[in-house]
Amino acid sequence: MKFGAGQSVKRVEDARLLKGEGQYTDDLQRENMAYGVTLRSPYGHAEIVSLDVTAARALPGVLAVYTHEDIAEYGPIPCLVPLSGPVHTPRLMLVKDRVRFVGDAIAFVVADSREAARAGAEAIEVDYRELPAVASLDAALADGAPQIWPEAGSNTLFDWSAGDAAKAAAAMAASAHVTSLRIVQNRVAPTSMEVRAALGEYDPASGYTLSTGSQGVAGMRQMLSQGVLKVPAEQVRVITGDVGGGFGMKSFLYGEYALVLHAAKALGRPVKWTGERGDAFQTDTHGRAMVSEGKLGFDANGLITAMQVETWSDLGAYQSQFGPAIQTMAGGKIMGGVYRIPVIHNLVHGVVTNTAPVDAYRGAGRPESAYVMERLIEAAARELGIGTDEIRRRNLLTPAELPHDNGLGLTFDIGNFPAVLDKALLQADWAGFAARKAEAARRGMRLGHGMAYYVEIAGGGGTDEFADVRVAADGMVEMAVGTQSNGQGHETAYAQVLSEKLGLDIEQIRIVQGDTGRLDEGHGTGGSRSLAFGGGACLAAADAMIERGIELARADLGASDIDYADGVFRARGSNMTRSLAELAAAHPGGLDGRSKYSTGKPAPTFPNGCHVAEVELDPATGKVSVTRYSLVDDFGNLVNPMLVEGQIHGGVAQGLGQALFEDIVYTDDGQLVTGSFMDYGVPRADDMPAAIGFDTLGTPSPTNPLGVKGCGEAGTIGAMPSIMNAIIDALDGTQIEMPATIEKLWRAAKSLDAAVAAE
């Protein structure tokens, strides 16, 4: 067997992608295909007084113009976890009478060409009555603020809490020292390389077919069929090909996905919609967008006594698909990390604003919680005069204390957090920092270092997963999986798992995904769950194939005792054999079958690690560079160490982007200021550290047969706080919020220099 689990195999999909042979949604072409364009609101909050599409429908090439009245029979885009009780915030595919953010969809124009569709959208006449907008948390929470959903009674839709409020307050009051911070986490846009796109087709005999970049076709089909179109699931097929980045955002159903299907049925021809970058900034779900008031109590020995956090989470104008759950059930229960915190209380308020909806973005609540904790503990170390490494060492849970109930509904099962910390300090040459800082000072530079110890709860999104295995006509063992790659390398990792189990070379295995016509069950990709659950399904499918093969070989060989190894079934004590290929040829379909892997109950994994960043700040310009970056992670067993390291590099880049550059900005009346790459900063190659020191110290997870822990989001979780803590250290403890832009840093450095000069 070649290239089984545990080896750094190069990605098998890369040869296809690098040669331009990938197939993304906008690459798809169909005969007689039409094109759609969405007309969007230019206002953050307004009533639609009148809407006239007559001129648009009369333009050459325009085939149809749809408004709310044309699709009124369909359901709204669903929120799957509403926390607001009887208050609903239905997001219609095309608004009826009120727009609530810039980008809200008003009409959908279909034409023979994209140019004609754009002209049709421009010809639609809309008379608006602009309403007062609230485009920030402060504005939404102000006394007498305009209400986005008047039936709610306020712009706060829900209050969610976990932990013991009374005990936390009492313990905090009795603490020898309390560190308090107000922490702002900036709103960010996912900015995937591939923008959203959708191709709709309709056949009266078979029903609807949607092709779109997604993070899971089965869930998309269920939402479309049951929630929006209101037809049996058997009448909807969803196909996802290659996906150019998802980061959570492509998990969700958007109005255009149903609109192209409606238009395809009505017009009797395929209809494709491809968004532009402006559509993406306006309407793709945003991430983060929250403000927290955090307190961390300590005794006289620097041990944590209590933690209290109150957060105001910006939901945007509508409760998105998973939006209400991100800072609550997803991130809220991991607050406090793997520190020994005797009593904790976490309170989250869900607030609506006249902005784009906010939902899961790489890490989905866990980066936010880690950021709060790591900012607090680093600030506390300075106030208490304890080293930032030492304060963590004193408070990290030890292996002897596991399993540990964190007081918020989670039980950490396994890990060696102090050992990870110590290994990370060696990796980063923590002891040599003082000399590097002195050398930087001689050059007029400010050097700072920061640390973050993170933990995440990985493996959400269902307690089971599915795989379907068969021997294809070309002799390849082909497996369909219920998850969906959007850049992670699933075709390689799953093939390695199957290779190891079946004893076949990886070249004999083909992984397929993204077609409900091939596999109509699965929970998709999200929450760093794919290998823990999808890998379990792969193993179950391989075991089932071997069992079926043994039964077939018994009949063919006339022997009761059959052994299997390396793709061959052998009658024990003889030379009689049958290969997988021979059995497949003799018994068409006899080896094929679907398998389900189920934990029966939530079985999260707890990846954790320690990130250490060093930054150099030029006080004359405000320019900051990440000069060193090191980390040690505990991901359990590694199926492909090279893939894992690549995921960490990408995650660090996104965390660095939020820390230094990225910020979605709205004006007070809800206008989007950062609606293009001219205004919205993303990291470039030269913004990254020259090298990232990466190592692991793995404790296999006991919750899945591979012993793996999720790794796809970990880099982002550790990068944000470690980089920001390093910047704060370079500024002698001056607190600063993300993004730490050049202007902010220049002003902060000038203030420090002025203070020194005045002494």
Foldseek 3Di string as FASTA:
>chain_A
DPQFFPAFDDFPCVVCVVVVNFDAPVNDDDPQEKEKDFQWDQFLKWWWPDKDLVVLCPDPFWDDKDFCVNQVVWFFFDAADDPLPPDAQGQHLADDTMAHFTLRTGMMIIGSDPVSNVVSSVPMDTDIDADFFFAAPCQQPDPPRDELRVVCVGQFRDKAKFFDPVVQVVLQVVFPDKFKDKFWFFKFAQPFVFAWKWKWAADPVFAIEIEIAAQFFLVVLCCCCVRTVVHDSRRYKYFYTAARDDQPQRHGDHSVRNVQHVCNVVVVHMYMYGDDLLSRLAARAIEDRKIKIKMWGHHLVLETEEIEMEMEHEFESHNGHHSVCQQHVFQVLCAPPQWDYPTYMYMYTYGYGSGHGHAGGQQRNQLVRQQVNQVRLLLVCVVSVHDSLVSCLVTGDAQVCPQDDPRGGDTAHGDGQNVQSVVQCVLQVVVCVVVVQVVLVVVVKFKFKFKTKGKGWAADQAQKWKKWWDQDPVRAIEMETRADDNPLSPQSLLLSLLCVQQVEHSVSYGYDYGICVVPNDGRYDDRLNCCQHRVQNSNQLSVQLVVLVLVLCCVVVVADDWDHHNQWIDRPPDRDIDGPSRSCVVPPPSSIDMGMDGLPDDQIHMKIKMKMWMWMANLVFLDIATAAIEMEIAFARGRNVNSLVVLLVVLLQVLLQFQAFAHFDADSRNRTPQSDCVRGDGDDPRRHHPDYHYHYDYDFRPRGPVSGHGRNRVNNSTNNNRVQSRLCVSLVNDHDHPRSYSVNSNVSSVVSVVVVVVD
